[in-house]
């Protein structure tokens, strides 16, 4: 039986820091970001289904979100200002990302390869699935900015303004619901979020 390095690679996502050009009060790695995106994408799908008449597979969307940045274990996390500096760089980075996704898929044993292709290769995402994962990704980046600014780090002020613009561009009823119900708590202290739910 041939050995696979797939999960050994994925385990290194925790070593790749996000926001590499910014001073962080607390460093965030790609592994924890992916889990948070999975949490948020899952609830966005549920909100869409329960409140807005959609028929999304929330569990699949959570899995897609878990793997949405998996290729960064090979490419690293390129800062947004560089990645989108111009159309040519963005296009080339997309090709690099696609090659990295394929390299990861090729690491999976053949009997499981197609299962992981459906999770890692974005061309297999339905448009509605892709939209929810992207919305969750932007929301989680925004939450990171909120946490940093709440801790007194003004380094994230411009990033937060840019993300507010992106949130408006991707706006949906489910995102509005999430921002109204869940988002305000991220600016509160532990004591403030714990006072209504004592152990």
Protein backbone atom coordinates (compact mmCIF):
# COMPACT_ATOMS: atom_id res chain seq x y z
CA UNK A 1 0.00 0.00 0.00
CA UNK A 2 1.49 3.35 -1.08
CA UNK A 3 1.93 6.03 1.56
CA UNK A 4 0.26 9.42 1.12
CA UNK A 5 1.64 12.76 2.31
CA UNK A 6 -1.75 14.49 1.94
CA UNK A 7 -2.67 14.85 5.62
CA UNK A 8 0.92 15.51 6.64
CA UNK A 9 0.77 18.49 4.30
CA UNK A 10 -2.62 19.64 5.63
CA UNK A 11 -1.32 19.47 9.20
CA UNK A 12 1.17 22.21 8.23
CA UNK A 13 -1.62 24.71 7.53
CA UNK A 14 -1.24 25.66 11.20
CA UNK A 15 2.28 26.89 10.40
CA UNK A 16 1.12 29.36 7.73
CA UNK A 17 0.22 32.72 9.23
CA UNK A 18 -2.41 34.95 7.71
CA UNK A 19 -2.06 38.74 7.45
CA UNK A 20 1.74 38.39 7.09
CA UNK A 21 2.42 42.08 6.35
CA UNK A 22 0.36 43.33 9.30
CA UNK A 23 1.20 43.67 12.97
CA UNK A 24 -1.18 41.32 14.80
CA UNK A 25 -2.22 41.37 18.46
CA UNK A 26 -2.75 37.63 18.01
CA UNK A 27 -1.45 35.73 15.01
CA UNK A 28 -4.02 33.77 13.02
CA UNK A 29 -3.01 30.70 11.01
CA UNK A 30 -4.67 29.18 7.95
CA UNK A 31 -5.84 26.08 9.83
CA UNK A 32 -7.85 28.00 12.43
CA UNK A 33 -9.15 30.41 9.78
CA UNK A 34 -10.42 27.47 7.71
CA UNK A 35 -12.29 26.05 10.70
CA UNK A 36 -13.92 29.40 11.43
CA UNK A 37 -14.91 29.77 7.78
CA UNK A 38 -16.46 26.28 7.96
CA UNK A 39 -18.47 27.30 11.05
CA UNK A 40 -19.72 30.50 9.40
CA UNK A 41 -20.40 28.94 5.97
CA UNK A 42 -22.40 26.18 7.66
CA UNK A 43 -24.61 28.63 9.54
CA UNK A 44 -25.03 30.86 6.46
CA UNK A 45 -26.31 27.83 4.57
CA UNK A 46 -28.69 26.99 7.43
CA UNK A 47 -29.92 30.59 7.60
CA UNK A 48 -30.53 30.53 3.84
CA UNK A 49 -32.47 27.27 4.16
CA UNK A 50 -34.54 28.01 7.27
CA UNK A 51 -35.29 31.69 6.73
CA UNK A 52 -34.97 32.41 3.03
CA UNK A 53 -36.28 29.30 1.27
CA UNK A 54 -33.00 27.95 -0.11
CA UNK A 55 -32.16 24.27 -0.46
CA UNK A 56 -28.41 24.18 0.24
CA UNK A 57 -26.43 21.22 1.54
CA UNK A 58 -25.06 22.86 4.69
CA UNK A 59 -22.78 19.94 5.56
CA UNK A 60 -21.15 19.92 2.12
CA UNK A 61 -20.69 23.69 2.28
CA UNK A 62 -18.98 23.31 5.68
CA UNK A 63 -16.61 20.75 4.13
CA UNK A 64 -15.88 22.99 1.14
CA UNK A 65 -15.06 25.80 3.57
CA UNK A 66 -12.72 23.53 5.54
CA UNK A 67 -10.71 22.85 2.38
CA UNK A 68 -11.09 26.27 0.69
CA UNK A 69 -7.52 27.36 1.51
CA UNK A 70 -5.89 23.92 1.53
CA UNK A 71 -3.67 24.80 -1.44
CA UNK A 72 -2.00 27.49 0.67
CA UNK A 73 0.03 24.74 2.30
CA UNK A 74 1.95 24.73 -1.00
CA UNK A 75 1.62 28.39 -2.04
CA UNK A 76 1.62 30.18 1.30
CA UNK A 77 -0.83 32.97 2.07
CA UNK A 78 -0.13 35.79 -0.36
CA UNK A 79 -1.14 39.20 1.03
CA UNK A 80 -4.25 40.61 -0.66
CA UNK A 81 -2.58 43.86 -1.83
CA UNK A 82 -0.03 41.79 -3.76
CA UNK A 83 -2.43 39.09 -4.97
CA UNK A 84 -4.78 41.65 -6.51
CA UNK A 85 -2.24 44.35 -7.40
CA UNK A 86 -3.22 44.03 -11.06
CA UNK A 87 -5.19 41.66 -13.31
CA UNK A 88 -2.09 39.84 -14.57
CA UNK A 89 -0.82 39.02 -11.07
CA UNK A 90 -4.32 37.90 -10.00
CA UNK A 91 -4.59 35.66 -13.07
CA UNK A 92 -1.14 34.11 -12.55
CA UNK A 93 -1.81 33.53 -8.87
CA UNK A 94 -5.08 31.78 -9.77
CA UNK A 95 -3.07 29.43 -12.03
CA UNK A 96 -0.57 28.76 -9.25
CA UNK A 97 -3.45 28.05 -6.87
CA UNK A 98 -5.06 25.66 -9.38
CA UNK A 99 -1.77 23.78 -9.84
CA UNK A 100 -1.35 23.53 -6.06
CA UNK A 101 -4.90 22.18 -5.72
CA UNK A 102 -4.13 19.52 -8.34
CA UNK A 103 -0.88 18.60 -6.61
CA UNK A 104 -2.76 18.09 -3.35
CA UNK A 105 -5.43 15.98 -5.06
CA UNK A 106 -2.72 13.85 -6.66
CA UNK A 107 -1.35 13.06 -3.17
CA UNK A 108 -4.61 11.33 -2.20
CA UNK A 109 -4.75 7.55 -2.79
CA UNK A 110 -6.47 6.85 -6.10
CA UNK A 111 -9.52 5.19 -4.51
CA UNK A 112 -10.29 8.45 -2.64
CA UNK A 113 -9.04 10.99 -5.18
CA UNK A 114 -12.37 11.91 -6.77
CA UNK A 115 -13.94 12.49 -3.35
CA UNK A 116 -11.25 15.03 -2.51
CA UNK A 117 -11.31 16.59 -5.98
CA UNK A 118 -14.93 17.55 -5.28
CA UNK A 119 -13.80 19.34 -2.10
CA UNK A 120 -10.55 20.97 -3.21
CA UNK A 121 -11.06 21.90 -6.86
CA UNK A 122 -13.37 24.94 -7.01
CA UNK A 123 -14.63 24.07 -10.49
CA UNK A 124 -16.72 21.34 -8.80
CA UNK A 125 -18.48 23.84 -6.51
CA UNK A 126 -22.02 24.79 -7.45
CA UNK A 127 -22.34 28.59 -7.86
CA UNK A 128 -24.52 28.86 -4.73
CA UNK A 129 -22.00 26.80 -2.71
CA UNK A 130 -19.10 28.94 -3.91
CA UNK A 131 -21.00 32.13 -3.05
CA UNK A 132 -21.65 31.01 0.54
CA UNK A 133 -18.01 29.96 1.10
CA UNK A 134 -16.79 33.30 -0.29
CA UNK A 135 -19.26 35.18 1.92
CA UNK A 136 -18.06 33.25 4.98
CA UNK A 137 -14.41 33.86 4.04
CA UNK A 138 -14.98 37.62 3.85
CA UNK A 139 -17.01 37.64 7.07
CA UNK A 140 -14.22 35.81 8.91
CA UNK A 141 -11.61 38.26 7.62
CA UNK A 142 -13.87 41.07 8.83
CA UNK A 143 -14.23 39.38 12.24
CA UNK A 144 -10.44 39.23 12.50
CA UNK A 145 -10.30 42.99 11.85
CA UNK A 146 -12.97 43.59 14.50
CA UNK A 147 -11.04 41.55 17.05
CA UNK A 148 -7.76 43.34 16.30
CA UNK A 149 -9.34 46.81 16.41
CA UNK A 150 -11.20 45.93 19.63
CA UNK A 151 -7.81 45.04 21.11
CA UNK A 152 -6.52 48.51 20.17
CA UNK A 153 -4.66 47.57 16.99
CA UNK A 154 -5.37 50.32 14.46
CA UNK A 155 -3.20 48.51 11.89
CA UNK A 156 -6.40 46.78 10.72
CA UNK A 157 -8.48 49.94 10.19
CA UNK A 158 -7.95 50.19 6.41
CA UNK A 159 -8.36 46.44 5.94
CA UNK A 160 -11.66 46.65 7.81
CA UNK A 161 -12.87 49.49 5.56
CA UNK A 162 -11.90 47.48 2.45
CA UNK A 163 -13.72 44.42 3.80
CA UNK A 164 -16.84 46.45 4.62
CA UNK A 165 -16.94 47.39 0.94
CA UNK A 166 -16.54 43.73 -0.06
CA UNK A 167 -19.28 42.68 2.37
CA UNK A 168 -21.62 45.20 0.74
CA UNK A 169 -20.75 43.82 -2.71
CA UNK A 170 -21.51 40.25 -1.60
CA UNK A 171 -24.48 41.24 0.55
CA UNK A 172 -27.31 38.75 0.99
CA UNK A 173 -30.23 38.35 3.42
CA UNK A 174 -28.35 35.53 5.19
CA UNK A 175 -25.28 37.74 5.64
CA UNK A 176 -27.45 40.55 6.97
CA UNK A 177 -28.98 38.11 9.46
CA UNK A 178 -25.52 36.87 10.56
CA UNK A 179 -24.23 40.43 10.96
CA UNK A 180 -27.27 41.45 13.02
CA UNK A 181 -27.46 38.38 15.26
CA UNK A 182 -23.88 37.13 15.66
CA UNK A 183 -21.41 39.85 14.68
CA UNK A 184 -21.87 42.40 17.54
CA UNK A 185 -20.56 39.91 20.14
CA UNK A 186 -17.11 39.93 18.53
CA UNK A 187 -16.48 43.45 19.88
CA UNK A 188 -17.27 42.42 23.46
CA UNK A 189 -15.03 41.12 26.23
CA UNK A 190 -15.22 37.58 27.62
CA UNK A 191 -17.07 38.89 30.70
CA UNK A 192 -19.61 40.65 28.48
CA UNK A 193 -20.35 37.59 26.35
CA UNK A 194 -20.42 35.32 29.41
CA UNK A 195 -22.74 37.31 31.68
CA UNK A 196 -25.93 35.90 30.17
CA UNK A 197 -24.73 32.29 30.22
CA UNK A 198 -23.10 31.43 33.57
CA UNK A 199 -21.83 27.87 34.09
